Amino acid sequence: MAENVPVLIGLVLVAVAGTGAVLVRDPVRQSFVLSLLGLALAALFLLLQAPDVALSQLAVGSALTPLMVLLAVRKVRRKARSERREEHE
């Protein structure tokens, strides 16, 4: 039973981070929570003795995916700002 405690804690962290990623409405904050979810999943995979999957999750889930979300939000906000400027001219 004692050896299952870290896995249970990891599962709870993944559940909390996943719920947080769904409930947060601001895309910038959502990407931050998504990064935390990736870290929690990587830790869980490591606890489950899958280091190769943990490294992949760390790279993709904690770094690349949140970065792509932030870049997409930045591009959309820039486009909306430039369209507002064009309307006022």
C-alpha atoms as a PDB file:
ATOM      1  CA  MET A   1       0.000   0.000   0.000  1.00  0.00           C
ATOM      2  CA  ALA A   2       2.789   2.438   0.853  1.00  0.00           C
ATOM      3  CA  GLU A   3       4.403   2.020  -2.585  1.00  0.00           C
ATOM      4  CA  ASN A   4       1.144   3.145  -4.223  1.00  0.00           C
ATOM      5  CA  VAL A   5       1.006   6.486  -2.387  1.00  0.00           C
ATOM      6  CA  PRO A   6       3.254   8.404  -4.836  1.00  0.00           C
ATOM      7  CA  VAL A   7       1.223   7.076  -7.787  1.00  0.00           C
ATOM      8  CA  LEU A   8      -2.030   8.118  -6.102  1.00  0.00           C
ATOM      9  CA  ILE A   9      -0.611  11.583  -5.420  1.00  0.00           C
ATOM     10  CA  GLY A  10       0.454  11.789  -9.084  1.00  0.00           C
ATOM     11  CA  LEU A  11      -3.012  10.785 -10.242  1.00  0.00           C
ATOM     12  CA  VAL A  12      -4.595  13.427  -8.019  1.00  0.00           C
ATOM     13  CA  LEU A  13      -2.200  16.089  -9.381  1.00  0.00           C
ATOM     14  CA  VAL A  14      -3.040  15.082 -12.956  1.00  0.00           C
ATOM     15  CA  ALA A  15      -6.771  15.211 -12.199  1.00  0.00           C
ATOM     16  CA  VAL A  16      -6.495  18.639 -10.531  1.00  0.00           C
ATOM     17  CA  ALA A  17      -4.320  20.081 -13.314  1.00  0.00           C
ATOM     18  CA  GLY A  18      -6.593  18.651 -16.020  1.00  0.00           C
ATOM     19  CA  THR A  19      -9.660  20.097 -14.351  1.00  0.00           C
ATOM     20  CA  GLY A  20      -7.899  23.427 -13.957  1.00  0.00           C
ATOM     21  CA  ALA A  21      -6.936  23.495 -17.633  1.00  0.00           C
ATOM     22  CA  VAL A  22     -10.578  23.019 -18.573  1.00  0.00           C
ATOM     23  CA  LEU A  23     -11.982  25.561 -16.119  1.00  0.00           C
ATOM     24  CA  VAL A  24      -9.532  28.421 -16.722  1.00  0.00           C
ATOM     25  CA  ARG A  25     -10.889  30.769 -19.401  1.00  0.00           C
ATOM     26  CA  ASP A  26      -7.932  33.075 -20.076  1.00  0.00           C
ATOM     27  CA  PRO A  27      -5.786  31.435 -22.792  1.00  0.00           C
ATOM     28  CA  VAL A  28      -2.513  32.675 -21.287  1.00  0.00           C
ATOM     29  CA  ARG A  29      -3.336  31.230 -17.884  1.00  0.00           C
ATOM     30  CA  GLN A  30      -4.690  28.127 -19.560  1.00  0.00           C
ATOM     31  CA  SER A  31      -1.349  27.509 -21.268  1.00  0.00           C
ATOM     32  CA  PHE A  32       0.381  27.834 -17.888  1.00  0.00           C
ATOM     33  CA  VAL A  33      -1.984  25.273 -16.352  1.00  0.00           C
ATOM     34  CA  LEU A  34      -1.480  23.070 -19.410  1.00  0.00           C
ATOM     35  CA  SER A  35       2.243  23.194 -18.742  1.00  0.00           C
ATOM     36  CA  LEU A  36       1.632  22.132 -15.134  1.00  0.00           C
ATOM     37  CA  LEU A  37      -0.512  19.279 -16.431  1.00  0.00           C
ATOM     38  CA  GLY A  38       2.367  18.188 -18.667  1.00  0.00           C
ATOM     39  CA  LEU A  39       4.743  18.244 -15.712  1.00  0.00           C
ATOM     40  CA  ALA A  40       2.329  16.223 -13.563  1.00  0.00           C
ATOM     41  CA  LEU A  41       1.901  13.666 -16.345  1.00  0.00           C
ATOM     42  CA  ALA A  42       5.666  13.417 -16.834  1.00  0.00           C
ATOM     43  CA  ALA A  43       6.128  12.815 -13.098  1.00  0.00           C
ATOM     44  CA  LEU A  44       3.388  10.179 -13.150  1.00  0.00           C
ATOM     45  CA  PHE A  45       4.973   8.398 -16.117  1.00  0.00           C
ATOM     46  CA  LEU A  46       8.299   8.450 -14.301  1.00  0.00           C
ATOM     47  CA  LEU A  47       6.670   6.937 -11.215  1.00  0.00           C
ATOM     48  CA  LEU A  48       5.142   4.253 -13.419  1.00  0.00           C
ATOM     49  CA  GLN A  49       8.650   3.401 -14.679  1.00  0.00           C
ATOM     50  CA  ALA A  50       8.246   4.760 -18.190  1.00  0.00           C
ATOM     51  CA  PRO A  51      11.154   7.233 -18.434  1.00  0.00           C
ATOM     52  CA  ASP A  52      11.066   7.434 -22.240  1.00  0.00           C
ATOM     53  CA  VAL A  53       7.395   8.421 -22.206  1.00  0.00           C
ATOM     54  CA  ALA A  54       8.106  10.850 -19.342  1.00  0.00           C
ATOM     55  CA  LEU A  55      10.821  12.596 -21.382  1.00  0.00           C
ATOM     56  CA  SER A  56       8.545  12.854 -24.402  1.00  0.00           C
ATOM     57  CA  GLN A  57       5.745  14.245 -22.231  1.00  0.00           C
ATOM     58  CA  LEU A  58       8.137  16.702 -20.653  1.00  0.00           C
ATOM     59  CA  ALA A  59       9.231  18.027 -24.030  1.00  0.00           C
ATOM     60  CA  VAL A  60       5.872  18.055 -25.792  1.00  0.00           C
ATOM     61  CA  GLY A  61       3.299  18.426 -23.030  1.00  0.00           C
ATOM     62  CA  SER A  62       5.132  20.865 -20.789  1.00  0.00           C
ATOM     63  CA  ALA A  63       7.013  22.972 -23.302  1.00  0.00           C
ATOM     64  CA  LEU A  64       5.937  22.782 -26.941  1.00  0.00           C
ATOM     65  CA  THR A  65       2.147  22.624 -26.612  1.00  0.00           C
ATOM     66  CA  PRO A  66       1.858  25.571 -24.165  1.00  0.00           C
ATOM     67  CA  LEU A  67       4.307  27.535 -26.323  1.00  0.00           C
ATOM     68  CA  MET A  68       2.198  26.919 -29.437  1.00  0.00           C
ATOM     69  CA  VAL A  69      -0.930  28.016 -27.550  1.00  0.00           C
ATOM     70  CA  LEU A  70       0.804  31.231 -26.452  1.00  0.00           C
ATOM     71  CA  LEU A  71       2.033  31.954 -29.972  1.00  0.00           C
ATOM     72  CA  ALA A  72      -1.442  31.374 -31.414  1.00  0.00           C
ATOM     73  CA  VAL A  73      -3.019  33.676 -28.814  1.00  0.00           C
ATOM     74  CA  ARG A  74      -0.413  36.334 -29.577  1.00  0.00           C
ATOM     75  CA  LYS A  75      -1.096  36.135 -33.310  1.00  0.00           C
ATOM     76  CA  VAL A  76      -4.880  36.320 -32.860  1.00  0.00           C
ATOM     77  CA  ARG A  77      -4.586  39.289 -30.505  1.00  0.00           C
ATOM     78  CA  ARG A  78      -2.237  41.113 -32.892  1.00  0.00           C
ATOM     79  CA  LYS A  79      -4.598  40.541 -35.804  1.00  0.00           C
ATOM     80  CA  ALA A  80      -7.592  41.758 -33.782  1.00  0.00           C
ATOM     81  CA  ARG A  81      -5.636  44.842 -32.700  1.00  0.00           C
ATOM     82  CA  SER A  82      -4.616  45.665 -36.272  1.00  0.00           C
ATOM     83  CA  GLU A  83      -8.207  45.221 -37.490  1.00  0.00           C
ATOM     84  CA  ARG A  84      -9.424  47.628 -34.806  1.00  0.00           C
ATOM     85  CA  ARG A  85      -6.829  50.163 -35.938  1.00  0.00           C
ATOM     86  CA  GLU A  86      -7.970  49.845 -39.541  1.00  0.00           C
ATOM     87  CA  GLU A  87     -11.591  50.449 -38.504  1.00  0.00           C
ATOM     88  CA  HIS A  88     -10.660  53.691 -36.745  1.00  0.00           C
ATOM     89  CA  GLU A  89      -8.701  55.074 -39.688  1.00  0.00           C
END
